[in-house]
Protein backbone atom coordinates (compact mmCIF):
# COMPACT_ATOMS: atom_id res chain seq x y z
CA UNK A 1 -40.37 65.94 -12.02
CA UNK A 2 -43.92 65.41 -10.80
CA UNK A 3 -45.67 67.38 -8.15
CA UNK A 4 -43.59 68.44 -5.16
CA UNK A 5 -46.70 67.25 -2.98
CA UNK A 6 -46.76 64.26 -0.55
CA UNK A 7 -49.55 62.69 0.92
CA UNK A 8 -48.58 60.78 4.53
CA UNK A 9 -50.60 57.94 5.69
CA UNK A 10 -50.65 57.00 9.28
CA UNK A 11 -53.44 55.62 11.24
CA UNK A 12 -52.80 57.50 14.64
CA UNK A 13 -50.53 60.26 14.40
CA UNK A 14 -51.07 61.64 17.41
CA UNK A 15 -49.82 58.76 19.83
CA UNK A 16 -46.27 59.11 21.26
CA UNK A 17 -44.67 56.27 19.64
CA UNK A 18 -41.23 56.54 17.01
CA UNK A 19 -43.51 56.15 13.88
CA UNK A 20 -45.48 59.29 14.87
CA UNK A 21 -42.40 61.33 16.07
CA UNK A 22 -40.40 60.36 12.95
CA UNK A 23 -43.27 61.61 10.72
CA UNK A 24 -44.00 64.72 12.08
CA UNK A 25 -40.52 65.74 12.02
CA UNK A 26 -40.01 64.20 8.47
CA UNK A 27 -42.97 66.63 7.37
CA UNK A 28 -41.90 69.62 8.81
CA UNK A 29 -38.08 69.12 7.45
CA UNK A 30 -39.80 68.22 3.76
CA UNK A 31 -41.89 71.48 3.99
CA UNK A 32 -38.83 73.66 4.97
CA UNK A 33 -37.37 72.32 1.73
CA UNK A 34 -40.46 73.74 -0.59
CA UNK A 35 -42.47 70.77 -0.31
CA UNK A 36 -46.51 70.05 0.77
CA UNK A 37 -46.93 67.65 3.03
CA UNK A 38 -50.44 66.05 3.63
CA UNK A 39 -51.81 64.24 6.60
CA UNK A 40 -54.36 61.09 5.78
CA UNK A 41 -55.26 59.69 8.91
CA UNK A 42 -57.92 57.73 10.93
CA UNK A 43 -57.87 59.47 14.38
CA UNK A 44 -60.37 61.35 15.83
CA UNK A 45 -60.00 64.34 17.90
CA UNK A 46 -56.16 64.66 16.98
CA UNK A 47 -54.57 67.94 18.13
CA UNK A 48 -54.04 70.92 16.15
CA UNK A 49 -50.40 70.20 17.07
CA UNK A 50 -50.13 67.18 14.99
CA UNK A 51 -52.21 68.52 12.26
CA UNK A 52 -50.74 72.18 12.23
CA UNK A 53 -47.44 70.55 11.16
CA UNK A 54 -48.94 69.61 7.55
CA UNK A 55 -50.61 72.29 4.88
CA UNK A 56 -53.80 69.99 4.81
CA UNK A 57 -55.19 67.33 7.27
CA UNK A 58 -57.73 64.40 6.03
CA UNK A 59 -59.94 62.30 8.57
CA UNK A 60 -61.00 58.98 6.82
CA UNK A 61 -61.20 56.14 9.67
CA UNK A 62 -62.44 54.05 7.36
CA UNK A 63 -59.51 53.33 4.98
CA UNK A 64 -58.19 52.14 8.40
CA UNK A 65 -60.62 49.23 9.37
CA UNK A 66 -58.80 46.02 10.00
CA UNK A 67 -61.14 44.51 7.23
CA UNK A 68 -61.63 47.33 4.89
CA UNK A 69 -64.71 47.40 2.67
CA UNK A 70 -64.48 47.93 -1.42
CA UNK A 71 -65.51 51.54 -0.22
CA UNK A 72 -62.10 51.71 1.93
CA UNK A 73 -60.81 51.16 -1.45
CA UNK A 74 -62.43 53.31 -3.14
CA UNK A 75 -62.11 56.15 -0.65
CA UNK A 76 -58.57 56.04 -0.37
CA UNK A 77 -58.18 56.32 -4.03
CA UNK A 78 -60.31 59.89 -4.06
CA UNK A 79 -58.06 61.50 -1.37
CA UNK A 80 -55.15 60.35 -3.38
CA UNK A 81 -56.58 62.17 -6.32
CA UNK A 82 -58.30 64.79 -4.99
CA UNK A 83 -54.75 65.85 -3.27
CA UNK A 84 -52.45 65.38 -6.45
CA UNK A 85 -49.99 63.78 -4.38
CA UNK A 86 -46.83 63.23 -6.37
CA UNK A 87 -45.85 60.55 -3.89
CA UNK A 88 -48.20 58.51 -1.23
CA UNK A 89 -45.43 57.81 1.70
CA UNK A 90 -47.52 55.18 3.98
CA UNK A 91 -46.09 55.30 7.81
CA UNK A 92 -48.42 52.63 9.44
CA UNK A 93 -51.90 51.13 9.63
CA UNK A 94 -52.70 50.86 6.23
CA UNK A 95 -54.11 47.69 5.39
CA UNK A 96 -52.13 45.56 2.90
CA UNK A 97 -54.54 45.04 0.48
CA UNK A 98 -54.68 49.06 0.39
CA UNK A 99 -51.17 49.31 0.04
CA UNK A 100 -50.95 47.31 -2.93
CA UNK A 101 -54.26 48.79 -4.53
CA UNK A 102 -52.68 52.67 -4.08
CA UNK A 103 -48.89 51.22 -5.48
CA UNK A 104 -50.58 49.86 -8.52
CA UNK A 105 -51.91 53.55 -9.43
CA UNK A 106 -49.24 55.81 -7.90
CA UNK A 107 -45.47 56.09 -6.60
CA UNK A 108 -45.70 54.58 -3.11
CA UNK A 109 -43.27 54.56 -0.30
CA UNK A 110 -43.67 52.71 2.59
CA UNK A 111 -41.39 53.02 5.79
CA UNK A 112 -41.51 49.72 7.93
CA UNK A 113 -41.17 50.78 11.46
CA UNK A 114 -42.32 47.39 12.62
CA UNK A 115 -40.89 44.03 11.57
CA UNK A 116 -43.00 41.67 9.20
CA UNK A 117 -43.88 38.65 11.13
CA UNK A 118 -46.66 36.80 12.48
CA UNK A 119 -46.76 38.20 15.50
CA UNK A 120 -45.87 42.00 14.39
CA UNK A 121 -42.24 41.62 16.38
CA UNK A 122 -39.96 38.77 15.01
CA UNK A 123 -39.77 37.79 18.96
CA UNK A 124 -39.76 34.47 20.51
CA UNK A 125 -41.36 34.69 23.98
CA UNK A 126 -40.53 31.83 25.20
CA UNK A 127 -36.49 32.34 24.64
CA UNK A 128 -36.92 36.15 24.92
CA UNK A 129 -34.84 36.42 22.00
CA UNK A 130 -35.14 38.03 18.37
CA UNK A 131 -36.03 36.01 15.55
CA UNK A 132 -34.38 36.14 12.30
CA UNK A 133 -35.47 33.18 10.10
CA UNK A 134 -37.44 34.09 7.17
CA UNK A 135 -41.38 33.78 7.36
CA UNK A 136 -42.42 30.11 6.47
CA UNK A 137 -43.05 26.81 7.48
CA UNK A 138 -40.46 27.20 10.65
CA UNK A 139 -42.99 29.80 12.11
CA UNK A 140 -45.41 26.73 12.75
CA UNK A 141 -43.07 23.50 13.63
CA UNK A 142 -40.65 25.66 15.58
CA UNK A 143 -42.46 29.05 16.14
CA UNK A 144 -45.87 28.42 17.35
CA UNK A 145 -45.12 25.16 19.18
CA UNK A 146 -42.14 25.96 21.09
CA UNK A 147 -41.04 29.33 20.96
CA UNK A 148 -44.20 31.28 21.97
CA UNK A 149 -44.51 33.08 18.82
CA UNK A 150 -48.38 33.16 19.33
CA UNK A 151 -48.51 36.28 21.90
CA UNK A 152 -49.30 39.50 21.05
CA UNK A 153 -47.26 42.76 22.03
CA UNK A 154 -49.16 42.99 25.02
CA UNK A 155 -48.26 39.56 25.96
CA UNK A 156 -51.43 38.18 25.66
CA UNK A 157 -51.41 34.19 23.83
CA UNK A 158 -53.55 33.01 20.97
CA UNK A 159 -54.56 29.90 19.14
CA UNK A 160 -53.40 28.42 15.90
CA UNK A 161 -55.95 29.58 13.90
CA UNK A 162 -55.40 33.18 14.49
CA UNK A 163 -51.50 32.45 14.27
CA UNK A 164 -52.08 31.21 10.69
CA UNK A 165 -53.85 34.10 10.00
CA UNK A 166 -50.91 36.30 11.03
CA UNK A 167 -48.74 34.09 9.18
CA UNK A 168 -50.96 34.90 6.16
CA UNK A 169 -51.31 38.49 7.00
CA UNK A 170 -47.63 38.93 6.91
CA UNK A 171 -47.03 37.33 3.71
CA UNK A 172 -50.21 39.44 2.23
CA UNK A 173 -47.71 42.86 3.29
CA UNK A 174 -44.83 41.26 1.92
CA UNK A 175 -46.28 40.98 -1.53
CA UNK A 176 -47.80 44.49 -1.04
CA UNK A 177 -44.25 45.74 -0.04
CA UNK A 178 -42.94 44.20 -3.15
CA UNK A 179 -45.50 46.27 -5.69
CA UNK A 180 -44.21 49.82 -3.77
CA UNK A 181 -41.78 51.74 -5.66
CA UNK A 182 -39.83 51.63 -2.61
CA UNK A 183 -39.47 50.47 0.80
CA UNK A 184 -37.95 52.55 3.38
CA UNK A 185 -35.83 50.82 6.19
CA UNK A 186 -34.86 52.68 9.28
CA UNK A 187 -31.91 50.55 9.82
CA UNK A 188 -29.36 47.90 7.99
CA UNK A 189 -31.10 45.27 10.25
CA UNK A 190 -34.90 45.91 9.01
CA UNK A 191 -33.01 46.00 5.46
CA UNK A 192 -31.77 42.29 5.95
CA UNK A 193 -34.69 40.77 6.76
CA UNK A 194 -36.77 42.23 4.05
CA UNK A 195 -34.63 41.09 1.21
CA UNK A 196 -34.78 37.92 3.00
CA UNK A 197 -38.28 37.64 2.82
CA UNK A 198 -37.98 38.46 -0.62
CA UNK A 199 -38.30 42.11 -1.27
CA UNK A 200 -35.97 42.93 -4.20
CA UNK A 201 -32.50 44.64 -2.97
CA UNK A 202 -32.72 47.65 -5.14
CA UNK A 203 -36.39 48.76 -3.62
CA UNK A 204 -35.00 48.95 -0.11
CA UNK A 205 -33.94 52.01 0.88
CA UNK A 206 -32.27 51.89 4.60
CA UNK A 207 -32.82 56.00 5.91
CA UNK A 208 -32.57 56.06 9.35
CA UNK A 209 -35.27 58.29 11.20
CA UNK A 210 -34.68 62.03 11.46
CA UNK A 211 -33.75 62.87 15.15
CA UNK A 212 -33.21 66.39 16.32
CA UNK A 213 -31.41 67.60 19.10
CA UNK A 214 -34.00 67.42 21.86
CA UNK A 215 -35.45 70.74 23.34
CA UNK A 216 -36.52 69.64 27.16
CA UNK A 217 -38.75 71.31 29.49
CA UNK A 218 -38.23 72.65 33.15
CA UNK A 219 -35.66 70.59 34.65
CA UNK A 220 -36.83 68.02 37.14
CA UNK A 221 -35.56 68.45 40.83
CA UNK A 222 -32.68 66.51 41.89
CA UNK A 223 -32.61 63.46 43.05
CA UNK A 224 -30.63 61.61 46.59
CA UNK A 225 -28.43 59.63 43.80
CA UNK A 226 -27.93 59.39 40.15
CA UNK A 227 -30.76 58.43 37.79
CA UNK A 228 -30.92 55.49 35.64
CA UNK A 229 -33.24 56.01 33.12
CA UNK A 230 -35.37 53.59 30.72
CA UNK A 231 -37.94 54.99 28.61
CA UNK A 232 -40.81 52.94 26.50
CA UNK A 233 -44.39 50.89 26.68
CA UNK A 234 -44.09 48.53 29.48
CA UNK A 235 -44.50 44.79 27.65
CA UNK A 236 -42.19 41.92 28.04
CA UNK A 237 -40.54 43.61 24.71
CA UNK A 238 -39.18 46.29 26.12
CA UNK A 239 -37.22 44.70 28.60
CA UNK A 240 -37.68 46.36 31.78
CA UNK A 241 -37.92 43.35 33.87
CA UNK A 242 -34.29 42.81 32.73
CA UNK A 243 -33.35 46.44 33.51
CA UNK A 244 -34.83 45.96 37.29
CA UNK A 245 -32.85 42.45 37.21
CA UNK A 246 -29.59 44.33 36.83
CA UNK A 247 -30.48 47.15 38.81
CA UNK A 248 -30.82 44.52 41.72
CA UNK A 249 -26.83 43.60 40.71
CA UNK A 250 -25.47 47.21 41.16
CA UNK A 251 -23.76 48.26 44.33
CA UNK A 252 -23.28 51.95 43.29
CA UNK A 253 -25.95 54.18 44.41
CA UNK A 254 -28.56 55.02 42.10
CA UNK A 255 -32.36 55.60 41.64
CA UNK A 256 -34.13 53.88 38.47
CA UNK A 257 -36.86 55.80 36.57
CA UNK A 258 -39.39 53.98 34.22
CA UNK A 259 -40.98 56.33 31.92
CA UNK A 260 -43.90 54.72 30.12
CA UNK A 261 -47.19 52.58 30.73
CA UNK A 262 -48.26 49.15 29.58
CA UNK A 263 -49.93 45.72 30.63
CA UNK A 264 -46.52 44.69 32.42
CA UNK A 265 -46.91 47.57 35.08
CA UNK A 266 -48.20 45.22 37.80
CA UNK A 267 -45.47 42.47 36.99
CA UNK A 268 -42.53 44.87 37.31
CA UNK A 269 -44.28 46.50 40.28
CA UNK A 270 -44.14 43.17 41.94
CA UNK A 271 -40.95 42.18 40.57
CA UNK A 272 -39.40 44.96 42.05
CA UNK A 273 -40.61 43.85 45.38
CA UNK A 274 -39.60 40.52 45.22
CA UNK A 275 -35.99 41.69 44.40
CA UNK A 276 -36.27 44.39 47.20
CA UNK A 277 -35.41 47.24 44.94
CA UNK A 278 -38.70 49.14 45.58
CA UNK A 279 -37.60 52.11 47.33
CA UNK A 280 -35.03 52.96 44.37
CA UNK A 281 -37.67 52.74 41.59
CA UNK A 282 -39.90 55.20 40.65
CA UNK A 283 -42.65 54.69 37.77
CA UNK A 284 -43.20 57.93 36.07
CA UNK A 285 -46.13 56.98 33.47
CA UNK A 286 -46.17 58.09 29.99
CA UNK A 287 -44.45 61.58 29.38
CA UNK A 288 -44.72 63.89 26.49
CA UNK A 289 -41.88 64.56 24.76
CA UNK A 290 -40.46 67.76 26.65
CA UNK A 291 -40.74 65.99 30.02
CA UNK A 292 -39.21 62.57 28.82
CA UNK A 293 -36.17 64.81 27.08
CA UNK A 294 -35.73 66.87 30.33
CA UNK A 295 -35.32 63.41 32.41
CA UNK A 296 -32.93 62.15 29.71
CA UNK A 297 -31.02 65.47 30.45
CA UNK A 298 -30.46 65.18 34.53
CA UNK A 299 -30.01 61.09 34.01
CA UNK A 300 -26.92 59.60 34.58
CA UNK A 301 -27.54 57.41 32.07
CA UNK A 302 -30.25 55.98 29.73
CA UNK A 303 -30.74 52.19 29.39
CA UNK A 304 -32.43 50.59 26.16
CA UNK A 305 -33.29 47.21 27.51
CA UNK A 306 -35.39 46.11 24.72
CA UNK A 307 -35.46 42.22 23.63
CA UNK A 308 -37.18 42.79 20.65
CA UNK A 309 -35.30 43.66 17.48
CA UNK A 310 -36.10 47.32 17.38
CA UNK A 311 -36.40 48.71 13.39
CA UNK A 312 -34.47 51.43 14.87
CA UNK A 313 -35.09 52.63 18.40
CA UNK A 314 -35.19 56.48 18.84
CA UNK A 315 -34.66 56.57 22.74
CA UNK A 316 -31.16 56.07 22.62
CA UNK A 317 -29.92 58.61 19.97
CA UNK A 318 -32.14 61.45 22.01
CA UNK A 319 -30.71 60.48 25.15
CA UNK A 320 -27.03 61.03 23.15
CA UNK A 321 -28.07 63.77 21.59
CA UNK A 322 -29.00 65.08 25.17
CA UNK A 323 -25.59 64.26 26.32
CA UNK A 324 -26.30 61.64 27.98
CA UNK A 325 -24.51 58.19 28.19
CA UNK A 326 -26.64 55.33 26.59
CA UNK A 327 -25.98 51.22 27.58
CA UNK A 328 -28.34 49.35 25.20
CA UNK A 329 -29.06 45.83 24.38
CA UNK A 330 -27.46 45.11 20.67
CA UNK A 331 -30.70 43.75 19.37
CA UNK A 332 -32.04 44.41 15.88
CA UNK A 333 -31.71 47.89 14.38
CA UNK A 334 -30.09 49.31 17.56
CA UNK A 335 -27.07 47.77 16.18
CA UNK A 336 -26.84 51.01 13.59
CA UNK A 337 -26.38 53.69 16.68
CA UNK A 338 -25.15 51.45 19.70
CA UNK A 339 -21.55 52.05 19.19
CA UNK A 340 -18.96 53.33 21.50
CA UNK A 341 -18.46 56.16 19.04
CA UNK A 342 -21.58 56.96 19.47
CA UNK A 343 -21.06 57.20 22.91
CA UNK A 344 -23.17 54.36 23.58
CA UNK A 345 -22.34 51.34 25.52
CA UNK A 346 -23.50 47.53 23.90
CA UNK A 347 -24.76 44.72 25.74
CA UNK A 348 -25.66 41.60 23.98
CA UNK A 349 -29.11 40.89 24.18
CA UNK A 350 -30.30 39.16 27.42
CA UNK A 351 -27.19 39.21 29.39
CA UNK A 352 -28.40 40.65 32.47
CA UNK A 353 -25.14 40.32 34.51
CA UNK A 354 -23.62 42.74 31.50
CA UNK A 355 -25.98 44.88 31.22
CA UNK A 356 -25.80 45.42 35.19
CA UNK A 357 -21.93 45.64 34.52
CA UNK A 358 -22.20 48.39 31.98
CA UNK A 359 -24.08 50.76 33.99
CA UNK A 360 -22.09 50.19 37.46
CA UNK A 361 -19.52 51.42 35.28
CA UNK A 362 -21.40 54.22 33.45
CA UNK A 363 -22.59 55.18 36.98
CA UNK A 364 -19.10 55.58 38.76
CA UNK A 365 -17.62 57.32 35.84
CA UNK A 366 -20.22 59.73 35.80
CA UNK A 367 -19.07 61.38 32.33
CA UNK A 368 -20.98 63.02 29.67
CA UNK A 369 -21.35 62.34 26.02
CA UNK A 370 -18.09 64.22 24.65
CA UNK A 371 -19.58 66.94 21.64
CA UNK A 372 -17.61 64.95 18.78
CA UNK A 373 -19.59 62.34 19.41
CA UNK A 374 -22.94 64.35 19.99
CA UNK A 375 -21.93 66.11 16.91
CA UNK A 376 -21.59 62.80 15.14
CA UNK A 377 -24.91 61.87 15.75
CA UNK A 378 -26.35 64.88 15.46
CA UNK A 379 -25.06 64.90 11.72
CA UNK A 380 -26.21 61.64 10.84
CA UNK A 381 -29.72 62.10 12.05
CA UNK A 382 -30.29 65.81 11.24
CA UNK A 383 -33.68 66.37 9.63
CA UNK A 384 -32.64 68.51 7.09
CA UNK A 385 -30.42 65.44 5.76
CA UNK A 386 -33.05 63.13 6.28
CA UNK A 387 -34.89 65.49 4.06
CA UNK A 388 -32.71 65.91 1.17
CA UNK A 389 -32.03 61.73 0.69
CA UNK A 390 -35.99 61.69 0.85
CA UNK A 391 -36.63 64.36 -1.71
CA UNK A 392 -34.15 62.75 -4.01
CA UNK A 393 -36.22 59.35 -3.28
CA UNK A 394 -39.15 61.11 -4.33
CA UNK A 395 -37.99 62.96 -7.70
CA UNK A 396 -36.59 59.65 -8.71
CA UNK A 397 -39.91 57.80 -8.34
CA UNK A 398 -42.19 60.62 -9.23
CA UNK A 399 -40.35 61.58 -12.59
CA UNK A 400 -40.05 57.41 -13.54
């Protein structure tokens, strides 16, 4: 068996996203099993609350450059050699050329937190629909020409030249992933897409992110009406505009709390005004984990209206573990957890009327998620179980 030391690679480990949250939980669970976890990152000013989860941390901004120089390759090799890691585990931010280089020299695992796609989202903006086509010519003949695929996650469109670069880079990343010892897909949907794009089936492992029962902060003060909560970056991808339109169809009393920030906030505020529901909508901004979990705990229902295919989507399961019912669009990886047996009501993605009906039904029932359903989700996603599966994978790769 090789070294029980893993080098985690993530450009910005201090952000509030799912890739950061899952990696930190992963590192803590691995250390509980006797493994050493080292962090390689490119974020200046990252807090001790993050780096303290690891046995050691290293700052190396140059290896996360959008167009890394040859010195970045040498630097990455040096960090891997100096840490004597048995396995390199890439989470986010490493260029395809460097993924390929490290995979040639060391057992390497990549967790694919995002879809591999020219626009990085597998999302057709013009139709507000997920895309399951294989990356190829139709990305240009249909995607670019008529489906709004040349759009960034912040809703800014770009030209054909940049779209072609995005398509080329997606292909490059797929080639790099083929060199890796293993690729972790957080959901069956992500695995299916990776295999369709040419990865070997036996190299792609489905492993949902580790999620523990949330520990909430102080309970927020009560509201005059039941709270409908959604959380996520305010972009078209996350579907908050669908939730606003659904809210306008609901007759049951409620207030709508939107946690998150992003480029769509002004548009969402204007839409709430146009729908004449501004009085029931409150924008909470981006919340730290403890505050978000407290909001989840007091909500009557948590809604996950993501339009793009989340590779998993952690908000829904976290809400279930808080005891709060969830209504979710069934796009992408959410299908793995958006099930009645998990305390979740799923709605066909894009069905605003159906979303409104499901939320209204939940508001009128005012039920909590039964303990047995919470226990089922908790057992499935428990960090110790995740770490057990991950260490088995690491041992197999380092021994080979």
